[in-house]
Amino acid sequence: MSTTRPAAEPAAQAAALKEWPLWEVFVRSKQGLEHKHCGSLHAADAAQALVMARDVYTRRQEGVSIWVVPSRAITASNPDDKGELFDPAADKIYRHPTFYDIPNEVGHM
């Protein structure tokens, strides 16, 4: 009589993973000052998401800080709305000092 349990079917394992919340992973590298989005993963909670993110996205010890954020907590703009979101900045010419004379002593700005 065998005491080992049969392995769960891959489809059942995949379904169980999808029941876990989706987390977005951000990593700050040793050379960087900002966190960059690296990818997403499913985890049961924030602590597990941190451990999994470390294992998946910093295998070569390139990170110094990891953020995990529930995907449902992120609000993003719609790409179709880019005109109304970003075009108003084009009419603020004072933000683009192309009409100023820069003295030669200043050099490149």
Protein backbone atom coordinates (compact mmCIF):
# COMPACT_ATOMS: atom_id res chain seq x y z
CA MET A 1 0.00 0.00 0.00
CA SER A 2 1.44 3.36 -1.06
CA THR A 3 1.49 6.29 1.38
CA THR A 4 2.19 8.96 -1.23
CA ARG A 5 -0.64 11.18 -2.34
CA PRO A 6 -1.37 11.49 -6.06
CA ALA A 7 -0.14 14.70 -7.61
CA ALA A 8 -2.79 17.33 -8.26
CA GLU A 9 -3.68 17.85 -11.87
CA PRO A 10 -1.96 20.83 -13.53
CA ALA A 11 -5.33 22.37 -14.42
CA ALA A 12 -6.42 22.21 -10.78
CA GLN A 13 -3.14 23.82 -9.66
CA ALA A 14 -3.54 26.61 -12.22
CA ALA A 15 -7.12 27.24 -11.08
CA ALA A 16 -5.99 27.46 -7.44
CA LEU A 17 -3.31 30.01 -8.35
CA LYS A 18 -5.82 32.20 -10.18
CA GLU A 19 -7.97 32.35 -7.05
CA TRP A 20 -5.11 34.11 -5.26
CA PRO A 21 -5.01 37.89 -5.75
CA LEU A 22 -2.77 39.33 -8.44
CA TRP A 23 0.13 41.48 -7.20
CA GLU A 24 2.23 43.98 -9.18
CA VAL A 25 5.95 43.86 -8.38
CA PHE A 26 8.28 46.87 -8.32
CA VAL A 27 12.04 46.51 -7.69
CA ARG A 28 14.68 49.16 -6.98
CA SER A 29 18.09 48.18 -8.34
CA LYS A 30 21.41 48.90 -6.66
CA GLN A 31 22.14 51.65 -9.18
CA GLY A 32 18.66 53.17 -9.29
CA LEU A 33 16.80 55.62 -7.13
CA GLU A 34 13.33 54.60 -8.27
CA HIS A 35 11.37 51.38 -8.21
CA LYS A 36 10.55 49.92 -11.64
CA HIS A 37 7.70 47.61 -12.52
CA CYS A 38 9.03 44.10 -13.12
CA GLY A 39 5.90 42.05 -13.53
CA SER A 40 2.98 40.42 -11.79
CA LEU A 41 2.39 37.31 -9.72
CA HIS A 42 -0.38 35.56 -7.81
CA ALA A 43 0.06 35.17 -4.03
CA ALA A 44 -2.18 34.51 -1.06
CA ASP A 45 -1.10 37.63 0.87
CA ALA A 46 1.45 40.48 0.91
CA ALA A 47 4.09 38.53 2.85
CA GLN A 48 3.96 35.64 0.41
CA ALA A 49 4.00 38.08 -2.52
CA LEU A 50 7.24 39.65 -1.19
CA VAL A 51 8.94 36.26 -0.85
CA MET A 52 7.78 35.13 -4.28
CA ALA A 53 8.80 38.46 -5.86
CA ARG A 54 12.27 38.13 -4.33
CA ASP A 55 12.62 34.61 -5.72
CA VAL A 56 11.30 35.45 -9.17
CA TYR A 57 12.55 38.98 -9.88
CA THR A 58 15.81 39.33 -7.88
CA ARG A 59 17.53 35.99 -8.42
CA ARG A 60 20.86 37.62 -9.25
CA GLN A 61 20.88 39.92 -6.19
CA GLU A 62 20.27 42.99 -8.34
CA GLY A 63 17.57 44.48 -6.10
CA VAL A 64 17.76 46.41 -2.84
CA SER A 65 14.04 47.02 -2.30
CA ILE A 66 10.81 45.35 -3.41
CA TRP A 67 7.28 46.72 -3.41
CA VAL A 68 4.25 44.52 -3.99
CA VAL A 69 0.90 46.18 -4.63
CA PRO A 70 -2.45 44.45 -5.13
CA SER A 71 -3.40 44.94 -8.77
CA ARG A 72 -6.93 45.89 -7.78
CA ALA A 73 -5.50 48.89 -5.84
CA ILE A 74 -3.99 50.46 -8.97
CA THR A 75 -5.99 52.99 -10.93
CA ALA A 76 -4.69 53.71 -14.41
CA SER A 77 -5.62 56.14 -17.12
CA ASN A 78 -7.22 54.90 -20.31
CA PRO A 79 -4.89 55.18 -23.34
CA ASP A 80 -7.85 56.55 -25.32
CA ASP A 81 -7.97 59.54 -22.93
CA LYS A 82 -4.37 60.63 -23.54
CA GLY A 83 -5.45 63.69 -25.52
CA GLU A 84 -7.50 65.26 -22.76
CA LEU A 85 -4.96 64.26 -20.11
CA PHE A 86 -1.73 65.34 -21.75
CA ASP A 87 -2.51 67.84 -24.51
CA PRO A 88 -3.28 70.74 -22.13
CA ALA A 89 0.41 70.83 -21.17
CA ALA A 90 1.32 71.82 -24.75
CA ASP A 91 -0.31 75.27 -24.40
CA LYS A 92 1.87 76.24 -21.42
CA ILE A 93 4.79 77.74 -23.34
CA TYR A 94 6.43 78.96 -20.14
CA ARG A 95 7.26 75.32 -19.36
CA HIS A 96 9.42 75.14 -22.49
CA PRO A 97 11.96 77.97 -22.39
CA THR A 98 12.73 77.93 -26.09
CA PHE A 99 12.35 81.70 -26.47
CA TYR A 100 14.96 82.71 -23.86
CA ASP A 101 18.45 83.83 -24.77
CA ILE A 102 20.98 81.76 -22.85
CA PRO A 103 24.35 83.44 -22.19
CA ASN A 104 27.39 81.61 -23.62
CA GLU A 105 28.85 81.27 -20.11
CA VAL A 106 26.03 78.97 -19.13
CA GLY A 107 26.91 76.31 -21.68
CA HIS A 108 24.57 73.40 -22.25
CA MET A 109 21.42 73.15 -20.20
